[in-house]
Amino acid sequence: MKKKLMLIVVAIMAFFMIAGVSDASAKAKVYKSHVYAAKQLKHHYFKHTYTKYSKKGLIYTTRSLKHWNHKGANYKQTAWTTNQSVTVKKSNGHKAVYYYIKNKKNGIKGWIWRGYLASKPVKTTKTTSYEGYNPDGFDGPSAADDPSGKSSGKWKSDARVTAYSKKSDAAYNKAQKEFNDSYAAYLAKFNAEHSTN
């Protein structure tokens, strides 16, 4: 009887220890934002709840955007639900629209720039990082804030990012070629000067 009671006590203790560890791991570290919402211009609730997928970007803890604790790129296959947005004027002077997203399974919730959301899961492929490109700092024109994508004034965020990527690829390739050519010329000159007859 004593043995049974001991086993029950140990099992209960183990359960609470595991639960405590899980709870601690769910609490992500919070980071301070460089750019935040200086002014909230409009808070809008959608008529329906939509499912979205994050491509990248930061997930902010509140709509003031002063702190963030997750990166959208780490949850590309996560189905987020969204039912509201906020239009803000950021501390850098740009206007932007952020969606409130949440997922019941992982318990994560927060605000993310709408340009970082997609209607379908994002394929996990190797991508090129363009340092200095910050679409989070501005927002494209939109006749309506319609997350369903059916609005005639739908903002073409993907097209804008793709256009920038192609432009950056061309600039990078050009710079790489110039470097390779100059390096080859330098090697040829060096070899000519140091060659032994």
Protein backbone atom coordinates (compact mmCIF):
# COMPACT_ATOMS: atom_id res chain seq x y z
CA MET A 1 0.00 0.00 0.00
CA LYS A 2 2.82 2.35 0.94
CA LYS A 3 4.59 1.50 -2.32
CA LYS A 4 1.46 2.33 -4.35
CA LEU A 5 1.02 5.64 -2.54
CA MET A 6 4.67 6.55 -3.17
CA LEU A 7 4.29 5.77 -6.89
CA ILE A 8 1.20 8.00 -7.10
CA VAL A 9 3.00 10.87 -5.34
CA VAL A 10 6.04 10.53 -7.65
CA ALA A 11 3.77 10.45 -10.74
CA ILE A 12 1.94 13.62 -9.62
CA MET A 13 5.23 15.41 -8.91
CA ALA A 14 6.64 14.39 -12.31
CA PHE A 15 3.48 15.68 -14.04
CA PHE A 16 3.75 19.12 -12.41
CA MET A 17 7.48 19.32 -13.13
CA ILE A 18 6.91 18.58 -16.85
CA ALA A 19 4.01 21.05 -16.97
CA GLY A 20 6.24 23.70 -15.41
CA VAL A 21 9.03 23.10 -17.96
CA SER A 22 6.55 23.23 -20.87
CA ASP A 23 5.10 26.49 -19.55
CA ALA A 24 8.55 28.03 -19.21
CA SER A 25 9.57 27.02 -22.74
CA ALA A 26 6.38 28.56 -24.12
CA LYS A 27 7.38 31.95 -22.73
CA ALA A 28 9.62 33.47 -25.38
CA LYS A 29 12.23 36.13 -24.72
CA VAL A 30 10.99 39.68 -25.39
CA TYR A 31 13.07 42.14 -27.42
CA LYS A 32 12.83 45.92 -27.71
CA SER A 33 11.91 47.33 -31.14
CA HIS A 34 13.98 49.96 -32.93
CA VAL A 35 10.90 51.38 -34.68
CA TYR A 36 7.53 51.51 -32.94
CA ALA A 37 4.00 52.86 -33.43
CA ALA A 38 4.14 56.53 -32.52
CA LYS A 39 0.43 56.97 -33.25
CA GLN A 40 -2.47 54.59 -33.86
CA LEU A 41 -4.61 55.98 -36.68
CA LYS A 42 -7.29 53.30 -37.15
CA HIS A 43 -8.37 50.07 -35.45
CA HIS A 44 -10.51 47.87 -37.67
CA TYR A 45 -12.39 44.61 -36.95
CA PHE A 46 -13.05 42.34 -39.95
CA LYS A 47 -16.51 40.92 -40.65
CA HIS A 48 -14.99 37.44 -40.78
CA THR A 49 -12.03 35.60 -39.27
CA TYR A 50 -9.35 34.71 -41.81
CA THR A 51 -6.51 32.19 -41.88
CA LYS A 52 -3.09 33.49 -42.82
CA TYR A 53 0.50 32.20 -42.92
CA SER A 54 3.60 34.21 -42.00
CA LYS A 55 6.44 34.55 -44.50
CA LYS A 56 8.86 36.45 -42.27
CA GLY A 57 8.89 39.59 -40.12
CA LEU A 58 8.58 40.22 -36.42
CA ILE A 59 5.55 39.37 -34.29
CA TYR A 60 5.00 42.21 -31.83
CA THR A 61 3.51 41.66 -28.39
CA THR A 62 1.18 44.69 -28.58
CA ARG A 63 -0.07 47.08 -31.26
CA SER A 64 2.25 49.77 -29.94
CA LEU A 65 5.00 47.64 -31.61
CA LYS A 66 7.47 48.48 -28.85
CA HIS A 67 8.42 44.85 -28.18
CA TRP A 68 8.55 41.61 -30.17
CA ASN A 69 9.05 37.99 -29.13
CA HIS A 70 8.74 35.84 -32.26
CA LYS A 71 9.84 35.78 -35.90
CA GLY A 72 7.27 34.95 -38.57
CA ALA A 73 9.87 32.98 -40.55
CA ASN A 74 9.98 30.38 -37.74
CA TYR A 75 6.26 29.63 -38.20
CA LYS A 76 5.83 29.37 -41.99
CA GLN A 77 3.58 26.31 -41.71
CA THR A 78 1.55 27.68 -38.79
CA ALA A 79 -2.06 28.62 -39.53
CA TRP A 80 -2.75 32.00 -37.92
CA THR A 81 -6.24 33.35 -37.44
CA THR A 82 -6.84 37.08 -37.81
CA ASN A 83 -9.93 39.21 -37.25
CA GLN A 84 -8.57 42.74 -36.81
CA SER A 85 -5.99 45.23 -38.01
CA VAL A 86 -4.49 48.49 -36.89
CA THR A 87 -3.14 51.33 -39.03
CA VAL A 88 -0.27 53.15 -37.36
CA LYS A 89 2.13 55.99 -37.97
CA LYS A 90 5.53 54.67 -37.02
CA SER A 91 8.33 56.47 -35.25
CA ASN A 92 10.19 56.68 -38.57
CA GLY A 93 7.26 58.62 -40.10
CA HIS A 94 5.86 55.80 -42.28
CA LYS A 95 2.29 54.52 -42.16
CA ALA A 96 1.70 50.78 -42.00
CA VAL A 97 -1.07 48.24 -41.39
CA TYR A 98 -0.57 45.43 -38.87
CA TYR A 99 -2.76 42.35 -38.38
CA TYR A 100 -3.46 40.71 -35.06
CA ILE A 101 -2.66 37.00 -35.39
CA LYS A 102 -2.96 34.06 -33.02
CA ASN A 103 -2.67 30.28 -32.95
CA LYS A 104 -4.47 28.21 -30.32
CA LYS A 105 -2.08 25.24 -30.57
CA ASN A 106 1.16 27.04 -29.75
CA GLY A 107 -0.48 29.87 -27.79
CA ILE A 108 1.39 32.55 -29.71
CA LYS A 109 -0.37 35.80 -30.52
CA GLY A 110 0.64 39.28 -31.56
CA TRP A 111 0.81 41.86 -34.35
CA ILE A 112 2.61 41.49 -37.67
CA TRP A 113 2.91 43.72 -40.74
CA ARG A 114 0.33 42.58 -43.30
CA GLY A 115 2.92 42.38 -46.11
CA TYR A 116 4.48 39.44 -44.28
CA LEU A 117 1.29 37.37 -44.41
CA ALA A 118 0.17 34.98 -47.15
CA SER A 119 -3.06 33.10 -47.84
CA LYS A 120 -1.21 29.77 -48.27
CA PRO A 121 1.66 28.14 -46.37
CA VAL A 122 5.05 29.43 -47.48
CA LYS A 123 7.42 26.86 -48.95
CA THR A 124 10.50 26.42 -46.78
CA THR A 125 13.20 27.07 -49.37
CA LYS A 126 16.55 28.79 -49.08
CA THR A 127 16.11 32.54 -49.50
CA THR A 128 18.51 35.42 -50.00
CA SER A 129 18.63 38.08 -47.32
CA TYR A 130 18.78 41.68 -48.56
CA GLU A 131 20.29 43.80 -45.84
CA GLY A 132 18.86 47.28 -45.67
CA TYR A 133 15.56 46.35 -47.35
CA ASN A 134 12.80 47.11 -44.90
CA PRO A 135 9.29 46.91 -46.34
CA ASP A 136 8.10 47.03 -42.74
CA GLY A 137 8.79 50.76 -42.91
CA PHE A 138 6.17 51.58 -45.52
CA ASP A 139 2.87 50.34 -46.82
CA GLY A 140 1.51 50.21 -50.36
CA PRO A 141 -1.70 51.88 -51.56
CA SER A 142 -4.92 50.04 -50.86
CA ALA A 143 -8.50 50.97 -51.70
CA ALA A 144 -9.78 48.63 -48.99
CA ASP A 145 -8.32 46.74 -46.09
CA ASP A 146 -9.55 43.34 -47.20
CA PRO A 147 -7.58 40.32 -45.86
CA SER A 148 -9.58 37.94 -48.08
CA GLY A 149 -7.73 39.34 -51.09
CA LYS A 150 -10.99 39.78 -53.03
CA SER A 151 -10.97 43.56 -52.92
CA SER A 152 -10.37 45.44 -56.17
CA GLY A 153 -7.91 47.56 -54.25
CA LYS A 154 -5.87 44.64 -52.94
CA TRP A 155 -2.33 45.70 -52.19
CA LYS A 156 0.21 43.75 -54.25
CA SER A 157 2.80 43.14 -51.52
CA ASP A 158 4.29 40.00 -53.10
CA ALA A 159 4.76 41.73 -56.45
CA ARG A 160 6.54 44.61 -54.76
CA VAL A 161 8.88 42.34 -52.84
CA THR A 162 9.59 40.25 -55.98
CA ALA A 163 10.39 43.38 -58.00
CA TYR A 164 12.81 44.52 -55.31
CA SER A 165 14.41 41.05 -55.16
CA LYS A 166 15.00 40.97 -58.93
CA LYS A 167 16.49 44.44 -58.83
CA SER A 168 18.77 43.45 -55.94
CA ASP A 169 19.81 40.22 -57.69
CA ALA A 170 20.84 42.20 -60.80
CA ALA A 171 22.82 44.72 -58.71
CA TYR A 172 24.49 41.93 -56.74
CA ASN A 173 25.43 39.99 -59.89
CA LYS A 174 26.88 43.14 -61.47
CA ALA A 175 28.95 43.94 -58.37
CA GLN A 176 30.11 40.31 -58.15
CA LYS A 177 31.24 40.36 -61.80
CA GLU A 178 33.12 43.64 -61.32
CA PHE A 179 34.86 42.22 -58.28
CA ASN A 180 35.78 38.98 -60.08
CA ASP A 181 37.15 40.92 -63.08
CA SER A 182 39.22 43.29 -60.93
CA TYR A 183 40.53 40.40 -58.84
CA ALA A 184 41.50 38.46 -61.98
CA ALA A 185 43.31 41.56 -63.31
CA TYR A 186 45.13 41.95 -59.99
CA LEU A 187 46.22 38.28 -60.00
CA ALA A 188 47.46 38.55 -63.58
CA LYS A 189 49.49 41.68 -62.71
CA PHE A 190 50.84 40.08 -59.52
CA ASN A 191 51.87 36.90 -61.37
CA ALA A 192 53.55 38.94 -64.13
CA GLU A 193 55.56 40.97 -61.62
CA HIS A 194 56.60 37.98 -59.52
CA SER A 195 57.11 35.37 -62.18
CA THR A 196 60.61 33.91 -62.37
CA ASN A 197 62.20 33.55 -65.82
